[in-house]
Amino acid sequence: MFFKLFRHEDNDYRNIAESEEHSADVTSTDITSTDETDDISGVIGGWESKAYYEFREDGTYGWYKSSQDLNDNYYSGTYSVIRGYEACEHLGITFDKIITVIVNSEGQITLDDIYCITCSPTYLVSGGVDKSDTLNGMSYEMLFVVTGEKSAQGKLISNYDTYYFTKIK
């Protein structure tokens, strides 16, 4: 899977989740998850614009400043994924906000479409120089929500930057 990444800071999940428009008729069946919490197939693949993310099945990832140059200006390392209610709980998203997002999606999003991706870079090349020693054990988390067959939204938890992903392959 490959995705094209678009960044847009005007719209974010906080606005969606805090919206007052939600139905009082929500039942637990509207938000229940399958028991397949280990299924991370929704995040495997690549996302591209000027920057490029690639999540591999072996638990490694790469972030490249440009998809045109995979040999310079990149991070690589490992990632982990939490799915569904556990992802929301880990990120501190309340049950009410989960319900609001799901209801406002008009059936496009289920609990199974919500992921928390934690990236832990172990290797950094910048300007052709290995700068891995500057990483100091850093990691970052992304809320990742599959919003359709060929689309997803991501939000970096550290700064709330929002990214819109479109499947390109």
N, C-alpha and C. Protein backbone atom coordinates (compact mmCIF):
# COMPACT_ATOMS: atom_id res chain seq x y z
N MET A 1 0.83 -1.18 0.00
CA MET A 1 0.00 0.00 0.00
C MET A 1 0.88 1.24 0.00
N PHE A 2 0.52 2.22 -0.79
CA PHE A 2 1.21 3.49 -0.80
C PHE A 2 0.18 4.60 -0.69
N PHE A 3 0.51 5.62 0.05
CA PHE A 3 -0.42 6.72 0.28
C PHE A 3 0.28 8.03 -0.04
N LYS A 4 -0.47 9.01 -0.52
CA LYS A 4 0.04 10.36 -0.72
C LYS A 4 -0.37 11.18 0.49
N LEU A 5 0.57 11.92 1.05
CA LEU A 5 0.35 12.66 2.29
C LEU A 5 0.11 14.14 2.02
N PHE A 6 -0.95 14.66 2.58
CA PHE A 6 -1.24 16.08 2.51
C PHE A 6 -1.31 16.62 3.93
N ARG A 7 -0.67 17.73 4.19
CA ARG A 7 -0.68 18.33 5.52
C ARG A 7 -1.64 19.51 5.51
N HIS A 8 -2.47 19.56 6.52
CA HIS A 8 -3.43 20.65 6.63
C HIS A 8 -3.63 20.94 8.10
N GLU A 9 -3.36 22.17 8.53
CA GLU A 9 -3.43 22.50 9.95
C GLU A 9 -4.76 23.12 10.35
N ASP A 10 -5.66 23.42 9.42
CA ASP A 10 -6.90 24.11 9.76
C ASP A 10 -7.95 23.19 10.36
N ASN A 11 -7.86 21.91 10.10
CA ASN A 11 -8.89 20.98 10.56
C ASN A 11 -8.21 19.92 11.41
N ASP A 12 -8.70 19.69 12.60
CA ASP A 12 -8.09 18.65 13.42
C ASP A 12 -9.13 17.89 14.20
N TYR A 13 -8.71 16.75 14.78
CA TYR A 13 -9.63 15.89 15.50
C TYR A 13 -10.21 16.56 16.74
N ARG A 14 -9.48 17.51 17.34
CA ARG A 14 -10.04 18.17 18.51
C ARG A 14 -11.33 18.88 18.14
N ASN A 15 -11.37 19.54 16.99
CA ASN A 15 -12.60 20.20 16.56
C ASN A 15 -13.70 19.19 16.28
N ILE A 16 -13.35 18.10 15.62
CA ILE A 16 -14.35 17.06 15.32
C ILE A 16 -14.84 16.44 16.62
N ALA A 17 -13.92 16.04 17.47
CA ALA A 17 -14.27 15.32 18.69
C ALA A 17 -15.06 16.19 19.67
N GLU A 18 -14.82 17.50 19.66
CA GLU A 18 -15.51 18.37 20.60
C GLU A 18 -16.79 18.95 20.03
N SER A 19 -17.14 18.52 18.82
CA SER A 19 -18.36 18.99 18.18
C SER A 19 -19.57 18.57 19.00
N GLU A 20 -20.59 19.40 19.01
CA GLU A 20 -21.80 19.09 19.76
C GLU A 20 -22.76 18.23 18.95
N GLU A 21 -22.47 18.00 17.66
CA GLU A 21 -23.39 17.27 16.80
C GLU A 21 -23.15 15.77 16.93
N HIS A 22 -23.91 15.12 17.77
CA HIS A 22 -23.86 13.67 17.83
C HIS A 22 -25.23 13.13 18.21
N SER A 23 -25.43 11.92 17.84
CA SER A 23 -26.75 11.31 18.01
C SER A 23 -26.89 10.71 19.39
N ALA A 24 -28.07 10.85 19.96
CA ALA A 24 -28.35 10.22 21.25
C ALA A 24 -28.71 8.75 21.07
N ASP A 25 -28.84 8.31 19.82
CA ASP A 25 -29.26 6.94 19.53
C ASP A 25 -28.08 5.99 19.34
N VAL A 26 -26.90 6.35 19.78
CA VAL A 26 -25.74 5.50 19.61
C VAL A 26 -25.86 4.29 20.51
N THR A 27 -25.58 3.14 19.96
CA THR A 27 -25.56 1.92 20.76
C THR A 27 -24.15 1.37 20.76
N SER A 28 -23.89 0.45 21.67
CA SER A 28 -22.54 -0.10 21.75
C SER A 28 -22.15 -0.82 20.47
N THR A 29 -23.11 -1.30 19.69
CA THR A 29 -22.76 -1.98 18.44
C THR A 29 -22.21 -1.01 17.41
N ASP A 30 -22.47 0.30 17.57
CA ASP A 30 -21.94 1.27 16.63
C ASP A 30 -20.43 1.45 16.78
N ILE A 31 -19.88 1.10 17.92
CA ILE A 31 -18.47 1.39 18.15
C ILE A 31 -17.67 0.17 18.56
N THR A 32 -18.27 -0.98 18.59
CA THR A 32 -17.53 -2.15 19.04
C THR A 32 -16.44 -2.51 18.06
N SER A 33 -15.41 -3.07 18.59
CA SER A 33 -14.24 -3.48 17.82
C SER A 33 -14.28 -4.98 17.61
N THR A 34 -13.63 -5.43 16.56
CA THR A 34 -13.44 -6.87 16.44
C THR A 34 -12.37 -7.25 17.44
N ASP A 35 -12.21 -8.51 17.69
CA ASP A 35 -11.19 -8.96 18.63
C ASP A 35 -9.82 -9.04 17.99
N GLU A 36 -9.68 -8.60 16.75
CA GLU A 36 -8.42 -8.69 16.04
C GLU A 36 -7.57 -7.45 16.30
N THR A 37 -7.22 -7.19 17.55
CA THR A 37 -6.47 -5.97 17.88
C THR A 37 -5.03 -6.04 17.39
N ASP A 38 -4.56 -7.22 17.00
CA ASP A 38 -3.20 -7.34 16.48
C ASP A 38 -3.13 -7.06 14.99
N ASP A 39 -4.26 -6.87 14.31
CA ASP A 39 -4.28 -6.61 12.88
C ASP A 39 -3.85 -5.17 12.63
N ILE A 40 -2.64 -5.01 12.07
CA ILE A 40 -2.13 -3.67 11.80
C ILE A 40 -2.06 -3.40 10.30
N SER A 41 -2.75 -4.20 9.51
CA SER A 41 -2.67 -4.05 8.06
C SER A 41 -3.10 -2.66 7.60
N GLY A 42 -3.90 -1.97 8.38
CA GLY A 42 -4.34 -0.63 8.00
C GLY A 42 -3.23 0.40 8.00
N VAL A 43 -2.10 0.11 8.61
CA VAL A 43 -1.01 1.09 8.65
C VAL A 43 0.19 0.69 7.80
N ILE A 44 0.24 -0.56 7.36
CA ILE A 44 1.38 -1.02 6.55
C ILE A 44 1.35 -0.30 5.21
N GLY A 45 2.49 0.22 4.77
CA GLY A 45 2.57 0.86 3.47
C GLY A 45 3.34 2.15 3.52
N GLY A 46 3.18 2.97 2.50
CA GLY A 46 3.90 4.23 2.40
C GLY A 46 2.96 5.39 2.20
N TRP A 47 3.36 6.54 2.68
CA TRP A 47 2.59 7.78 2.55
C TRP A 47 3.53 8.83 2.00
N GLU A 48 3.07 9.58 0.99
CA GLU A 48 3.99 10.45 0.29
C GLU A 48 3.42 11.82 -0.01
N SER A 49 4.25 12.83 0.08
CA SER A 49 4.09 14.15 -0.53
C SER A 49 5.51 14.65 -0.66
N LYS A 50 5.83 15.79 -0.10
CA LYS A 50 7.24 16.17 -0.06
C LYS A 50 7.99 15.24 0.88
N ALA A 51 7.32 14.81 1.93
CA ALA A 51 7.88 13.83 2.86
C ALA A 51 7.27 12.47 2.56
N TYR A 52 7.92 11.42 3.05
CA TYR A 52 7.48 10.07 2.74
C TYR A 52 7.63 9.18 3.96
N TYR A 53 6.55 8.56 4.40
CA TYR A 53 6.56 7.56 5.46
C TYR A 53 6.42 6.19 4.83
N GLU A 54 7.16 5.21 5.36
CA GLU A 54 6.96 3.83 4.95
C GLU A 54 6.97 2.95 6.19
N PHE A 55 5.85 2.26 6.43
CA PHE A 55 5.74 1.32 7.53
C PHE A 55 5.81 -0.09 6.95
N ARG A 56 6.76 -0.88 7.44
CA ARG A 56 6.98 -2.22 6.89
C ARG A 56 6.41 -3.29 7.81
N GLU A 57 6.09 -4.44 7.23
CA GLU A 57 5.50 -5.54 7.99
C GLU A 57 6.43 -6.07 9.07
N ASP A 58 7.74 -5.86 8.95
CA ASP A 58 8.68 -6.39 9.94
C ASP A 58 8.82 -5.49 11.17
N GLY A 59 8.00 -4.43 11.26
CA GLY A 59 8.04 -3.55 12.43
C GLY A 59 9.05 -2.42 12.32
N THR A 60 9.63 -2.23 11.13
CA THR A 60 10.54 -1.11 10.92
C THR A 60 9.84 -0.06 10.06
N TYR A 61 10.34 1.16 10.13
CA TYR A 61 9.76 2.23 9.33
C TYR A 61 10.87 3.14 8.85
N GLY A 62 10.54 3.96 7.86
CA GLY A 62 11.42 5.01 7.40
C GLY A 62 10.62 6.28 7.19
N TRP A 63 11.19 7.40 7.55
CA TRP A 63 10.62 8.71 7.23
C TRP A 63 11.68 9.41 6.40
N TYR A 64 11.32 9.83 5.20
CA TYR A 64 12.25 10.47 4.28
C TYR A 64 11.76 11.87 3.97
N LYS A 65 12.68 12.80 3.92
CA LYS A 65 12.30 14.18 3.60
C LYS A 65 11.71 14.26 2.20
N SER A 66 12.19 13.40 1.31
CA SER A 66 11.69 13.37 -0.06
C SER A 66 11.63 11.94 -0.56
N SER A 67 10.55 11.61 -1.23
CA SER A 67 10.45 10.27 -1.82
C SER A 67 11.38 10.13 -3.01
N GLN A 68 11.91 11.22 -3.49
CA GLN A 68 12.83 11.19 -4.62
C GLN A 68 14.27 10.88 -4.20
N ASP A 69 14.58 10.97 -2.90
CA ASP A 69 15.92 10.70 -2.40
C ASP A 69 15.81 9.89 -1.12
N LEU A 70 15.95 8.58 -1.24
CA LEU A 70 15.84 7.69 -0.09
C LEU A 70 17.20 7.41 0.55
N ASN A 71 18.24 8.15 0.13
CA ASN A 71 19.59 7.93 0.66
C ASN A 71 20.09 9.07 1.54
N ASP A 72 19.31 10.13 1.70
CA ASP A 72 19.73 11.26 2.52
C ASP A 72 18.50 11.89 3.18
N ASN A 73 18.73 12.54 4.30
CA ASN A 73 17.68 13.23 5.04
C ASN A 73 16.53 12.30 5.41
N TYR A 74 16.84 11.34 6.26
CA TYR A 74 15.82 10.37 6.68
C TYR A 74 16.08 9.85 8.08
N TYR A 75 15.01 9.37 8.68
CA TYR A 75 15.04 8.63 9.94
C TYR A 75 14.64 7.20 9.60
N SER A 76 15.16 6.25 10.36
CA SER A 76 14.64 4.89 10.31
C SER A 76 14.69 4.32 11.71
N GLY A 77 13.87 3.32 11.94
CA GLY A 77 13.82 2.72 13.26
C GLY A 77 12.70 1.71 13.34
N THR A 78 12.15 1.58 14.52
CA THR A 78 11.07 0.63 14.74
C THR A 78 9.79 1.38 15.09
N TYR A 79 8.68 0.70 14.91
CA TYR A 79 7.41 1.28 15.30
C TYR A 79 6.54 0.20 15.93
N SER A 80 5.58 0.65 16.71
CA SER A 80 4.59 -0.26 17.28
C SER A 80 3.21 0.35 17.04
N VAL A 81 2.21 -0.51 17.05
CA VAL A 81 0.85 -0.07 16.75
C VAL A 81 -0.10 -0.61 17.81
N ILE A 82 -0.99 0.25 18.27
CA ILE A 82 -2.10 -0.14 19.13
C ILE A 82 -3.36 0.21 18.35
N ARG A 83 -4.36 -0.65 18.42
CA ARG A 83 -5.56 -0.46 17.60
C ARG A 83 -6.82 -0.40 18.46
N GLY A 84 -7.80 0.33 17.98
CA GLY A 84 -9.12 0.33 18.59
C GLY A 84 -9.18 1.09 19.90
N TYR A 85 -9.99 0.56 20.82
CA TYR A 85 -10.19 1.23 22.10
C TYR A 85 -8.87 1.39 22.86
N GLU A 86 -8.00 0.40 22.78
CA GLU A 86 -6.71 0.48 23.48
C GLU A 86 -5.89 1.66 22.97
N ALA A 87 -5.95 1.93 21.66
CA ALA A 87 -5.24 3.08 21.09
C ALA A 87 -5.79 4.38 21.66
N CYS A 88 -7.11 4.48 21.71
CA CYS A 88 -7.75 5.69 22.24
C CYS A 88 -7.40 5.88 23.71
N GLU A 89 -7.48 4.82 24.47
CA GLU A 89 -7.17 4.88 25.89
C GLU A 89 -5.72 5.31 26.11
N HIS A 90 -4.81 4.74 25.33
CA HIS A 90 -3.39 5.08 25.44
C HIS A 90 -3.15 6.57 25.16
N LEU A 91 -3.88 7.12 24.19
CA LEU A 91 -3.71 8.53 23.81
C LEU A 91 -4.54 9.48 24.66
N GLY A 92 -5.33 8.95 25.59
CA GLY A 92 -6.13 9.80 26.46
C GLY A 92 -7.38 10.35 25.81
N ILE A 93 -7.87 9.68 24.78
CA ILE A 93 -9.09 10.10 24.11
C ILE A 93 -10.27 9.51 24.87
N THR A 94 -11.17 10.37 25.31
CA THR A 94 -12.29 9.90 26.14
C THR A 94 -13.31 9.13 25.30
N PHE A 95 -14.09 8.29 25.98
CA PHE A 95 -15.12 7.50 25.33
C PHE A 95 -16.13 8.41 24.62
N ASP A 96 -16.50 9.53 25.25
CA ASP A 96 -17.44 10.46 24.62
C ASP A 96 -16.89 11.02 23.31
N LYS A 97 -15.61 11.33 23.27
CA LYS A 97 -15.01 11.84 22.04
C LYS A 97 -14.96 10.77 20.96
N ILE A 98 -14.68 9.53 21.37
CA ILE A 98 -14.68 8.42 20.41
C ILE A 98 -16.06 8.30 19.77
N ILE A 99 -17.10 8.29 20.59
CA ILE A 99 -18.47 8.18 20.08
C ILE A 99 -18.79 9.33 19.14
N THR A 100 -18.41 10.54 19.52
CA THR A 100 -18.69 11.71 18.69
C THR A 100 -18.03 11.59 17.33
N VAL A 101 -16.77 11.19 17.29
CA VAL A 101 -16.06 11.05 16.01
C VAL A 101 -16.73 9.98 15.15
N ILE A 102 -17.06 8.85 15.75
CA ILE A 102 -17.67 7.75 15.00
C ILE A 102 -19.04 8.17 14.46
N VAL A 103 -19.86 8.80 15.29
CA VAL A 103 -21.19 9.23 14.85
C VAL A 103 -21.08 10.29 13.77
N ASN A 104 -20.20 11.26 13.95
CA ASN A 104 -20.04 12.33 12.95
C ASN A 104 -19.51 11.81 11.62
N SER A 105 -18.88 10.64 11.63
CA SER A 105 -18.36 10.07 10.38
C SER A 105 -19.46 9.43 9.55
N GLU A 106 -20.66 9.35 10.10
CA GLU A 106 -21.81 8.77 9.40
C GLU A 106 -21.51 7.37 8.86
N GLY A 107 -20.91 6.56 9.71
CA GLY A 107 -20.64 5.17 9.36
C GLY A 107 -19.34 4.91 8.63
N GLN A 108 -18.56 5.94 8.38
CA GLN A 108 -17.30 5.77 7.67
C GLN A 108 -16.17 5.30 8.57
N ILE A 109 -16.26 5.57 9.87
CA ILE A 109 -15.21 5.20 10.82
C ILE A 109 -15.79 4.29 11.88
N THR A 110 -15.06 3.23 12.19
CA THR A 110 -15.40 2.36 13.31
C THR A 110 -14.23 2.37 14.28
N LEU A 111 -14.40 1.78 15.41
CA LEU A 111 -13.32 1.70 16.38
C LEU A 111 -12.11 0.98 15.80
N ASP A 112 -12.35 0.02 14.91
CA ASP A 112 -11.25 -0.72 14.28
C ASP A 112 -10.40 0.14 13.35
N ASP A 113 -10.86 1.32 12.99
CA ASP A 113 -10.13 2.21 12.08
C ASP A 113 -9.20 3.16 12.81
N ILE A 114 -9.15 3.09 14.13
CA ILE A 114 -8.36 4.02 14.93
C ILE A 114 -7.11 3.32 15.44
N TYR A 115 -5.95 3.95 15.20
CA TYR A 115 -4.66 3.39 15.58
C TYR A 115 -3.82 4.43 16.32
N CYS A 116 -2.93 3.97 17.14
CA CYS A 116 -1.85 4.79 17.69
C CYS A 116 -0.56 4.18 17.18
N ILE A 117 0.23 4.95 16.46
CA ILE A 117 1.52 4.48 15.95
C ILE A 117 2.61 5.19 16.74
N THR A 118 3.49 4.42 17.36
CA THR A 118 4.64 4.98 18.08
C THR A 118 5.89 4.68 17.28
N CYS A 119 6.58 5.73 16.85
CA CYS A 119 7.81 5.60 16.06
C CYS A 119 9.01 5.88 16.95
N SER A 120 9.99 4.99 16.87
CA SER A 120 11.23 5.13 17.64
C SER A 120 12.41 5.11 16.69
N PRO A 121 12.85 6.28 16.23
CA PRO A 121 13.96 6.31 15.29
C PRO A 121 15.27 5.90 15.96
N THR A 122 16.04 5.10 15.24
CA THR A 122 17.35 4.66 15.74
C THR A 122 18.48 5.10 14.82
N TYR A 123 18.13 5.59 13.65
CA TYR A 123 19.14 5.99 12.67
C TYR A 123 18.68 7.28 12.01
N LEU A 124 19.60 8.25 11.89
CA LEU A 124 19.30 9.54 11.28
C LEU A 124 20.44 9.93 10.36
N VAL A 125 20.10 10.26 9.13
CA VAL A 125 21.06 10.80 8.17
C VAL A 125 20.54 12.16 7.74
N SER A 126 21.38 13.17 7.87
CA SER A 126 21.00 14.53 7.49
C SER A 126 22.18 15.17 6.78
N GLY A 127 21.93 15.68 5.58
CA GLY A 127 23.01 16.29 4.81
C GLY A 127 24.12 15.31 4.49
N GLY A 128 23.77 14.04 4.35
CA GLY A 128 24.75 13.00 4.03
C GLY A 128 25.57 12.53 5.21
N VAL A 129 25.28 13.02 6.42
CA VAL A 129 26.06 12.69 7.61
C VAL A 129 25.19 11.89 8.58
N ASP A 130 25.76 10.81 9.12
CA ASP A 130 25.07 10.01 10.14
C ASP A 130 25.02 10.82 11.43
N LYS A 131 23.83 11.16 11.87
CA LYS A 131 23.64 11.94 13.09
C LYS A 131 22.81 11.16 14.12
N SER A 132 22.92 9.85 14.05
CA SER A 132 22.13 8.98 14.94
C SER A 132 22.40 9.26 16.41
N ASP A 133 23.61 9.70 16.74
CA ASP A 133 23.95 9.95 18.14
C ASP A 133 23.16 11.12 18.74
N THR A 134 22.47 11.90 17.92
CA THR A 134 21.68 13.02 18.43
C THR A 134 20.25 12.63 18.78
N LEU A 135 19.87 11.39 18.51
CA LEU A 135 18.48 10.98 18.73
C LEU A 135 18.12 10.83 20.20
N ASN A 136 19.05 10.40 21.03
CA ASN A 136 18.85 10.31 22.48
C ASN A 136 17.57 9.60 22.88
N GLY A 137 17.25 8.49 22.24
CA GLY A 137 16.10 7.70 22.64
C GLY A 137 14.75 8.33 22.37
N MET A 138 14.69 9.28 21.47
CA MET A 138 13.42 9.95 21.19
C MET A 138 12.41 9.00 20.56
N SER A 139 11.15 9.30 20.73
CA SER A 139 10.07 8.60 20.04
C SER A 139 8.91 9.58 19.91
N TYR A 140 8.01 9.29 19.00
CA TYR A 140 6.84 10.14 18.85
C TYR A 140 5.64 9.28 18.48
N GLU A 141 4.45 9.82 18.79
CA GLU A 141 3.21 9.09 18.56
C GLU A 141 2.33 9.82 17.56
N MET A 142 1.61 9.02 16.78
CA MET A 142 0.67 9.56 15.81
C MET A 142 -0.68 8.86 15.97
N LEU A 143 -1.73 9.66 16.08
CA LEU A 143 -3.08 9.14 15.97
C LEU A 143 -3.33 8.95 14.48
N PHE A 144 -3.71 7.74 14.09
CA PHE A 144 -3.92 7.40 12.68
C PHE A 144 -5.32 6.83 12.55
N VAL A 145 -6.15 7.46 11.72
CA VAL A 145 -7.53 7.02 11.56
C VAL A 145 -7.80 6.77 10.08
N VAL A 146 -8.16 5.53 9.75
CA VAL A 146 -8.54 5.19 8.39
C VAL A 146 -9.94 5.76 8.17
N THR A 147 -10.08 6.64 7.18
CA THR A 147 -11.35 7.33 6.97
C THR A 147 -12.10 6.84 5.73
N GLY A 148 -11.50 5.96 4.99
CA GLY A 148 -12.13 5.41 3.79
C GLY A 148 -11.22 4.39 3.17
N GLU A 149 -11.68 3.78 2.09
CA GLU A 149 -10.89 2.73 1.44
C GLU A 149 -9.53 3.25 0.97
N LYS A 150 -9.47 4.52 0.58
CA LYS A 150 -8.23 5.08 0.06
C LYS A 150 -7.80 6.34 0.79
N SER A 151 -8.20 6.47 2.05
CA SER A 151 -7.83 7.69 2.77
C SER A 151 -7.66 7.44 4.26
N ALA A 152 -6.86 8.30 4.87
CA ALA A 152 -6.64 8.25 6.31
C ALA A 152 -6.22 9.64 6.77
N GLN A 153 -6.35 9.87 8.08
CA GLN A 153 -5.87 11.10 8.68
C GLN A 153 -4.90 10.74 9.78
N GLY A 154 -3.87 11.54 9.93
CA GLY A 154 -2.91 11.34 11.00
C GLY A 154 -2.73 12.63 11.77
N LYS A 155 -2.44 12.50 13.05
CA LYS A 155 -2.17 13.67 13.88
C LYS A 155 -1.00 13.34 14.78
N LEU A 156 0.08 14.13 14.66
CA LEU A 156 1.21 13.95 15.56
C LEU A 156 0.79 14.47 16.93
N ILE A 157 0.96 13.66 17.94
CA ILE A 157 0.51 14.01 19.28
C ILE A 157 1.35 15.13 19.88
N SER A 158 2.63 15.20 19.53
CA SER A 158 3.52 16.20 20.12
C SER A 158 3.15 17.63 19.75
N ASN A 159 2.64 17.86 18.54
CA ASN A 159 2.35 19.23 18.12
C ASN A 159 0.98 19.38 17.45
N TYR A 160 0.22 18.31 17.37
CA TYR A 160 -1.13 18.30 16.79
C TYR A 160 -1.17 18.68 15.32
N ASP A 161 -0.04 18.55 14.61
CA ASP A 161 -0.07 18.71 13.16
C ASP A 161 -0.96 17.62 12.58
N THR A 162 -1.80 17.99 11.63
CA THR A 162 -2.72 17.05 11.01
C THR A 162 -2.24 16.74 9.60
N TYR A 163 -2.33 15.47 9.22
CA TYR A 163 -1.92 15.01 7.91
C TYR A 163 -3.08 14.26 7.26
N TYR A 164 -3.28 14.47 5.98
CA TYR A 164 -4.31 13.77 5.22
C TYR A 164 -3.61 12.85 4.24
N PHE A 165 -3.92 11.57 4.31
CA PHE A 165 -3.28 10.57 3.48
C PHE A 165 -4.24 10.10 2.40
N THR A 166 -3.74 9.95 1.19
CA THR A 166 -4.52 9.40 0.10
C THR A 166 -3.76 8.22 -0.49
N LYS A 167 -4.45 7.10 -0.65
CA LYS A 167 -3.83 5.90 -1.20
C LYS A 167 -3.49 6.13 -2.66
N ILE A 168 -2.24 5.87 -3.05
CA ILE A 168 -1.84 6.06 -4.45
C ILE A 168 -1.52 4.76 -5.15
N LYS A 169 -1.32 3.67 -4.44
CA LYS A 169 -1.10 2.34 -5.04
C LYS A 169 -1.76 1.29 -4.23
